Amino acid sequence: MRRKLLQALTAGLVLATATGCSYNWEDFPRLGMPTPTTEEAPRILSLWQGSWAAALAVGVLVWGLILWSAFFHRRSRTKVEVPPQTRYNMPIEALYTVVPLIIVSVLFYFTARDESELLSLKKKPDVTVNVVGFQWSWCFNYIEPVAGSTGDAKKSPELDAIPDRFKDDFPANAGGVYDCGTPGTRNPQTNNPGPTLWLPKGKTVRFVLTSRDVIHSFWVVPFLMKQDVIPGHTNAFEVTPNKEGTFLGKCAELCGVDHSRMLFNVKVVSPERYEQHLKDLVDKQQNGYVPAGIAQTSHEKNRETNNL
């Protein structure tokens, strides 16, 4: 048994070291998370790291108690009597109850604090994008006043599904432009599948999320943030991209047979290049907006009324 145990430990050590040969130790503090690319993402990363620290502390305590019991309270080879039994130890039983409650309460506090901050919406964001999820791709309505595109997003029938509380922050005379994809669409620079959403670096972007059919989930991987796209219920969140580049996005909610093909790209560029892209969409006759999706359900309308 000792020989077999030694062989198993040696094989495990070799496997662990071999799989880590190409690992970049500079990435270790992120514990599997990608490099954050927005001003809000470090808050999420900090919560992730804190959760790992708490889990590790609990794990070390539990493993220590198990090993301590196994080594120091194992059955003696010379004595066969039953060791003293402990029953109804109130201090220990109270400890078993109080400590988990404290751990859960602390995790709940930090999660609720960060969630409230991440989901708070500022008045008049710099950029507003209506993300429309559908089987099996994405459309992006850029709610912006663009030269050559006339109209008013606040009165557009295509955006009727969006509640008034979001429309109040739409810019005036926002004729807007749009871009839609299919599973076969590819980014011309990276050849990654899916349509490409353009965003300006350093600007606060509000995503207004709507669906045409079933529940999807809008996830830009290096933003470390995702939110459900629900038919009849409009969600929204804001980010401020602080790093230029092209990043991957995907649907994070199982939405049907071709869920895995609901991919998209996010291209963060300078504000000047972003404005030029909107003008390019006008030149392609992609003016106005595509239908945002399913109108609000009665339950959602009641919630809006009560919040007012």
Protein backbone atom coordinates (compact mmCIF):
# COMPACT_ATOMS: atom_id res chain seq x y z
CA MET A 1 0.00 0.00 0.00
CA ARG A 2 2.84 2.38 0.83
CA ARG A 3 4.49 1.65 -2.52
CA LYS A 4 1.22 2.28 -4.40
CA LEU A 5 0.59 5.49 -2.45
CA LEU A 6 4.09 6.74 -3.27
CA GLN A 7 3.57 5.96 -6.96
CA ALA A 8 0.22 7.77 -7.01
CA LEU A 9 1.71 10.84 -5.33
CA THR A 10 4.63 10.87 -7.79
CA ALA A 11 2.28 10.61 -10.78
CA GLY A 12 0.10 13.40 -9.40
CA LEU A 13 3.14 15.64 -8.89
CA VAL A 14 4.38 15.01 -12.44
CA LEU A 15 0.91 15.70 -13.87
CA ALA A 16 0.55 18.93 -11.91
CA THR A 17 3.97 20.24 -12.93
CA ALA A 18 3.63 19.17 -16.57
CA THR A 19 0.30 20.91 -17.05
CA GLY A 20 1.67 24.09 -15.51
CA CYS A 21 4.72 24.45 -17.75
CA SER A 22 3.11 27.08 -19.98
CA TYR A 23 1.27 28.86 -17.17
CA ASN A 24 1.99 32.56 -16.74
CA TRP A 25 2.42 33.19 -13.04
CA GLU A 26 1.62 36.87 -13.54
CA ASP A 27 -1.97 35.75 -14.21
CA PHE A 28 -2.24 33.75 -11.00
CA PRO A 29 -3.63 36.59 -8.77
CA ARG A 30 -6.67 36.82 -11.09
CA LEU A 31 -7.50 33.16 -10.35
CA GLY A 32 -8.71 32.33 -13.85
CA MET A 33 -10.32 35.67 -14.64
CA PRO A 34 -9.27 37.50 -17.84
CA THR A 35 -7.50 40.86 -17.71
CA PRO A 36 -10.12 43.54 -16.86
CA THR A 37 -10.77 46.06 -19.64
CA THR A 38 -13.29 48.43 -17.99
CA GLU A 39 -13.18 50.77 -15.01
CA GLU A 40 -15.84 48.69 -13.23
CA ALA A 41 -14.24 45.27 -13.77
CA PRO A 42 -11.65 45.49 -10.93
CA ARG A 43 -14.53 45.61 -8.43
CA ILE A 44 -15.79 42.28 -9.78
CA LEU A 45 -12.28 40.85 -9.76
CA SER A 46 -11.83 41.91 -6.13
CA LEU A 47 -15.07 40.18 -5.14
CA TRP A 48 -13.94 37.05 -6.98
CA GLN A 49 -10.56 37.05 -5.22
CA GLY A 50 -12.17 37.65 -1.82
CA SER A 51 -14.54 34.73 -2.34
CA TRP A 52 -11.59 32.49 -3.18
CA ALA A 53 -9.73 33.69 -0.08
CA ALA A 54 -12.74 32.92 2.12
CA ALA A 55 -13.20 29.50 0.52
CA LEU A 56 -9.50 28.71 0.99
CA ALA A 57 -9.60 29.75 4.66
CA VAL A 58 -12.61 27.52 5.30
CA GLY A 59 -10.97 24.70 3.36
CA VAL A 60 -7.73 24.92 5.36
CA LEU A 61 -9.69 24.85 8.62
CA VAL A 62 -11.76 21.83 7.57
CA TRP A 63 -8.77 19.96 6.14
CA GLY A 64 -6.80 20.71 9.31
CA LEU A 65 -9.55 19.36 11.55
CA ILE A 66 -9.88 16.23 9.43
CA LEU A 67 -6.13 15.54 9.49
CA TRP A 68 -5.90 16.32 13.20
CA SER A 69 -8.71 13.88 13.94
CA ALA A 70 -7.25 11.23 11.65
CA PHE A 71 -3.73 11.35 13.10
CA PHE A 72 -4.22 12.15 16.76
CA HIS A 73 -7.48 10.31 17.41
CA ARG A 74 -6.91 7.15 15.43
CA ARG A 75 -7.50 3.82 17.12
CA SER A 76 -4.61 2.55 19.18
CA ARG A 77 -3.03 -0.75 18.20
CA THR A 78 -2.73 -1.84 21.84
CA LYS A 79 -5.95 -0.51 23.32
CA VAL A 80 -9.29 -1.77 22.13
CA GLU A 81 -11.65 0.06 24.46
CA VAL A 82 -14.12 2.56 23.06
CA PRO A 83 -12.81 6.13 23.51
CA PRO A 84 -14.84 8.66 25.49
CA GLN A 85 -17.91 9.82 23.57
CA THR A 86 -18.98 13.44 23.37
CA ARG A 87 -22.71 14.15 23.15
CA TYR A 88 -24.80 17.31 23.28
CA ASN A 89 -21.87 19.73 23.49
CA MET A 90 -23.77 22.99 23.26
CA PRO A 91 -20.76 25.32 22.73
CA ILE A 92 -19.54 23.24 19.78
CA GLU A 93 -23.03 22.94 18.28
CA ALA A 94 -23.53 26.69 18.66
CA LEU A 95 -20.17 27.23 16.95
CA TYR A 96 -21.25 25.01 14.03
CA THR A 97 -24.31 27.23 13.60
CA VAL A 98 -22.87 30.70 14.21
CA VAL A 99 -19.69 30.45 12.13
CA PRO A 100 -21.44 29.51 8.82
CA LEU A 101 -23.98 32.30 9.42
CA ILE A 102 -21.15 34.80 9.87
CA ILE A 103 -19.40 33.58 6.71
CA VAL A 104 -22.57 33.78 4.61
CA SER A 105 -23.45 37.21 6.05
CA VAL A 106 -20.04 38.65 5.20
CA LEU A 107 -20.18 37.26 1.65
CA PHE A 108 -23.73 38.58 1.26
CA TYR A 109 -22.69 42.06 2.42
CA PHE A 110 -19.84 42.42 -0.07
CA THR A 111 -21.90 40.90 -2.90
CA ALA A 112 -24.87 43.19 -2.26
CA ARG A 113 -22.59 46.23 -1.96
CA ASP A 114 -20.81 45.55 -5.25
CA GLU A 115 -23.99 44.55 -7.07
CA SER A 116 -25.69 47.81 -6.09
CA GLU A 117 -22.74 49.79 -7.37
CA LEU A 118 -22.39 47.84 -10.62
CA LEU A 119 -26.09 48.10 -11.47
CA SER A 120 -26.46 51.78 -10.60
CA LEU A 121 -27.24 53.94 -13.64
CA LYS A 122 -25.82 57.41 -14.07
CA LYS A 123 -27.89 60.19 -15.56
CA LYS A 124 -27.23 60.83 -19.25
CA PRO A 125 -24.55 58.29 -20.16
CA ASP A 126 -22.09 59.22 -22.91
CA VAL A 127 -23.26 56.37 -25.17
CA THR A 128 -26.42 54.24 -25.18
CA VAL A 129 -26.64 50.94 -27.06
CA ASN A 130 -29.78 48.84 -27.26
CA VAL A 131 -28.60 45.21 -27.42
CA VAL A 132 -31.23 42.98 -29.03
CA GLY A 133 -30.87 39.25 -28.54
CA PHE A 134 -32.61 36.78 -30.81
CA GLN A 135 -32.20 33.21 -31.97
CA TRP A 136 -29.36 33.00 -33.04
CA SER A 137 -27.42 36.27 -33.05
CA TRP A 138 -27.43 39.90 -31.95
CA CYS A 139 -28.45 43.35 -33.16
CA PHE A 140 -27.05 46.63 -31.86
CA ASN A 141 -29.07 49.86 -31.96
CA TYR A 142 -26.72 52.81 -31.50
CA ILE A 143 -28.99 55.43 -29.95
CA GLU A 144 -27.06 58.46 -31.14
CA PRO A 145 -27.68 61.63 -33.16
CA VAL A 146 -25.77 60.85 -36.34
CA ALA A 147 -25.47 63.14 -39.35
CA GLY A 148 -27.56 61.73 -42.18
CA SER A 149 -29.95 59.80 -39.91
CA THR A 150 -33.13 61.62 -38.92
CA GLY A 151 -35.63 60.66 -36.26
CA ASP A 152 -36.18 60.59 -32.52
CA ALA A 153 -35.38 57.49 -30.47
CA LYS A 154 -37.80 58.58 -27.74
CA LYS A 155 -40.71 58.29 -30.21
CA SER A 156 -39.45 55.49 -32.43
CA PRO A 157 -42.02 52.65 -32.70
CA GLU A 158 -39.16 50.16 -33.07
CA LEU A 159 -38.09 50.98 -29.51
CA ASP A 160 -41.56 50.74 -27.91
CA ALA A 161 -40.42 47.74 -25.87
CA ILE A 162 -37.99 49.95 -23.92
CA PRO A 163 -39.49 51.56 -20.79
CA ASP A 164 -39.81 55.34 -20.53
CA ARG A 165 -37.36 55.48 -17.63
CA PHE A 166 -34.60 54.55 -20.08
CA LYS A 167 -35.95 56.68 -22.91
CA ASP A 168 -35.80 59.77 -20.70
CA ASP A 169 -32.00 59.55 -20.88
CA PHE A 170 -31.88 59.11 -24.66
CA PRO A 171 -30.20 62.03 -26.46
CA ALA A 172 -32.48 64.44 -28.30
CA ASN A 173 -33.08 63.89 -32.04
CA ALA A 174 -31.26 60.57 -31.99
CA GLY A 175 -31.95 59.20 -35.45
CA GLY A 176 -29.51 56.40 -34.73
CA VAL A 177 -27.96 53.58 -36.68
CA TYR A 178 -27.92 49.82 -36.25
CA ASP A 179 -25.91 46.73 -37.01
CA CYS A 180 -27.22 43.14 -37.07
CA GLY A 181 -25.49 39.82 -37.35
CA THR A 182 -26.07 36.17 -38.08
CA PRO A 183 -24.18 33.13 -36.81
CA GLY A 184 -22.21 33.25 -40.05
CA THR A 185 -21.09 36.89 -39.64
CA ARG A 186 -17.38 37.35 -38.96
CA ASN A 187 -15.18 40.17 -37.77
CA PRO A 188 -13.10 41.33 -40.76
CA GLN A 189 -9.94 41.90 -38.68
CA THR A 190 -9.88 38.83 -36.41
CA ASN A 191 -12.17 36.50 -38.41
CA ASN A 192 -13.94 35.68 -35.12
CA PRO A 193 -17.60 34.69 -35.61
CA GLY A 194 -20.51 37.00 -34.85
CA PRO A 195 -21.32 40.69 -35.40
CA THR A 196 -19.08 43.41 -33.97
CA LEU A 197 -20.21 45.99 -31.43
CA TRP A 198 -18.14 49.19 -31.53
CA LEU A 199 -17.54 51.21 -28.34
CA PRO A 200 -15.51 54.37 -27.57
CA LYS A 201 -12.69 54.16 -25.06
CA GLY A 202 -13.09 56.26 -21.93
CA LYS A 203 -16.83 56.88 -22.41
CA THR A 204 -19.59 55.61 -20.12
CA VAL A 205 -21.69 53.15 -22.14
CA ARG A 206 -25.19 52.10 -21.10
CA PHE A 207 -26.41 48.78 -22.46
CA VAL A 208 -30.20 48.48 -22.66
CA LEU A 209 -30.95 44.78 -23.08
CA THR A 210 -34.06 43.46 -24.85
CA SER A 211 -35.04 40.12 -26.41
CA ARG A 212 -37.22 39.11 -29.34
CA ASP A 213 -37.91 35.54 -28.26
CA VAL A 214 -36.38 33.71 -25.27
CA ILE A 215 -34.01 34.50 -22.41
CA HIS A 216 -30.45 35.20 -23.50
CA SER A 217 -27.49 36.59 -21.55
CA PHE A 218 -25.17 39.37 -22.76
CA TRP A 219 -21.61 38.59 -21.70
CA VAL A 220 -18.46 40.43 -22.80
CA VAL A 221 -15.79 38.18 -21.31
CA PRO A 222 -13.04 40.71 -20.33
CA PHE A 223 -15.67 43.15 -19.00
CA LEU A 224 -16.23 40.54 -16.24
CA MET A 225 -19.90 41.50 -16.39
CA LYS A 226 -22.97 39.86 -17.85
CA GLN A 227 -26.71 40.29 -17.53
CA ASP A 228 -29.79 38.41 -18.68
CA VAL A 229 -31.67 39.54 -21.79
CA ILE A 230 -35.29 38.75 -20.94
CA PRO A 231 -38.33 39.03 -23.23
CA GLY A 232 -40.85 41.47 -21.77
CA HIS A 233 -38.38 42.72 -19.15
CA THR A 234 -35.72 45.34 -19.90
CA ASN A 235 -32.37 45.17 -18.08
CA ALA A 236 -29.55 47.70 -18.22
CA PHE A 237 -26.03 48.23 -16.92
CA GLU A 238 -23.12 50.59 -17.60
CA VAL A 239 -19.41 50.17 -18.21
CA THR A 240 -16.53 52.46 -19.12
CA PRO A 241 -14.05 50.68 -21.44
CA ASN A 242 -10.47 51.70 -20.69
CA LYS A 243 -8.50 49.51 -23.09
CA GLU A 244 -8.63 49.47 -26.88
CA GLY A 245 -8.85 46.17 -28.71
CA THR A 246 -11.26 43.54 -29.99
CA PHE A 247 -12.77 41.28 -27.35
CA LEU A 248 -15.00 38.23 -27.39
CA GLY A 249 -18.63 38.13 -26.29
CA LYS A 250 -21.18 35.35 -26.10
CA CYS A 251 -24.60 34.34 -24.87
CA ALA A 252 -24.27 32.90 -21.35
CA GLU A 253 -27.81 31.51 -21.09
CA LEU A 254 -28.84 28.22 -22.71
CA CYS A 255 -31.35 29.58 -25.23
CA GLY A 256 -31.90 26.68 -27.61
CA VAL A 257 -30.29 24.34 -30.08
CA ASP A 258 -27.86 26.91 -31.58
CA HIS A 259 -26.99 28.65 -28.32
CA SER A 260 -23.29 27.96 -28.88
CA ARG A 261 -23.38 30.01 -32.11
CA MET A 262 -24.62 33.20 -30.40
CA LEU A 263 -21.21 34.86 -30.46
CA PHE A 264 -20.23 38.48 -31.02
CA ASN A 265 -17.22 40.78 -30.84
CA VAL A 266 -16.66 44.07 -29.05
CA LYS A 267 -14.25 46.52 -30.65
CA VAL A 268 -13.12 49.37 -28.36
CA VAL A 269 -11.63 52.28 -30.30
CA SER A 270 -10.95 55.98 -29.86
CA PRO A 271 -13.99 58.30 -29.68
CA GLU A 272 -13.07 59.72 -33.08
CA ARG A 273 -12.91 56.29 -34.69
CA TYR A 274 -16.22 55.41 -33.05
CA GLU A 275 -17.94 58.45 -34.53
CA GLN A 276 -16.54 57.55 -37.94
CA HIS A 277 -17.97 54.04 -37.62
CA LEU A 278 -21.45 55.48 -36.99
CA LYS A 279 -21.09 57.57 -40.14
CA ASP A 280 -20.01 54.45 -42.05
CA LEU A 281 -23.25 52.74 -40.97
CA VAL A 282 -25.19 55.71 -42.35
CA ASP A 283 -23.36 55.31 -45.65
CA LYS A 284 -24.46 51.65 -45.65
CA GLN A 285 -28.08 52.78 -45.28
CA GLN A 286 -28.32 51.23 -41.81
CA ASN A 287 -30.25 54.21 -40.46
CA GLY A 288 -32.79 54.14 -37.67
CA TYR A 289 -33.40 51.12 -35.47
CA VAL A 290 -34.37 47.49 -35.71
CA PRO A 291 -37.28 46.30 -33.51
CA ALA A 292 -36.08 46.03 -29.93
CA GLY A 293 -38.11 42.98 -29.06
CA ILE A 294 -41.11 41.82 -27.06
CA ALA A 295 -43.07 44.58 -25.34
CA GLN A 296 -43.14 44.74 -21.57
CA THR A 297 -45.30 42.25 -19.76
CA SER A 298 -48.07 43.45 -17.45
CA HIS A 299 -45.98 42.50 -14.44
CA GLU A 300 -43.08 44.62 -15.67
CA LYS A 301 -45.39 47.58 -16.39
CA ASN A 302 -46.76 47.36 -12.86
CA ARG A 303 -43.24 47.39 -11.47
CA GLU A 304 -42.42 50.50 -13.49
CA THR A 305 -45.54 52.25 -12.23
CA ASN A 306 -44.81 51.35 -8.60
CA ASN A 307 -41.23 52.59 -8.87
CA LEU A 308 -42.45 55.94 -10.09
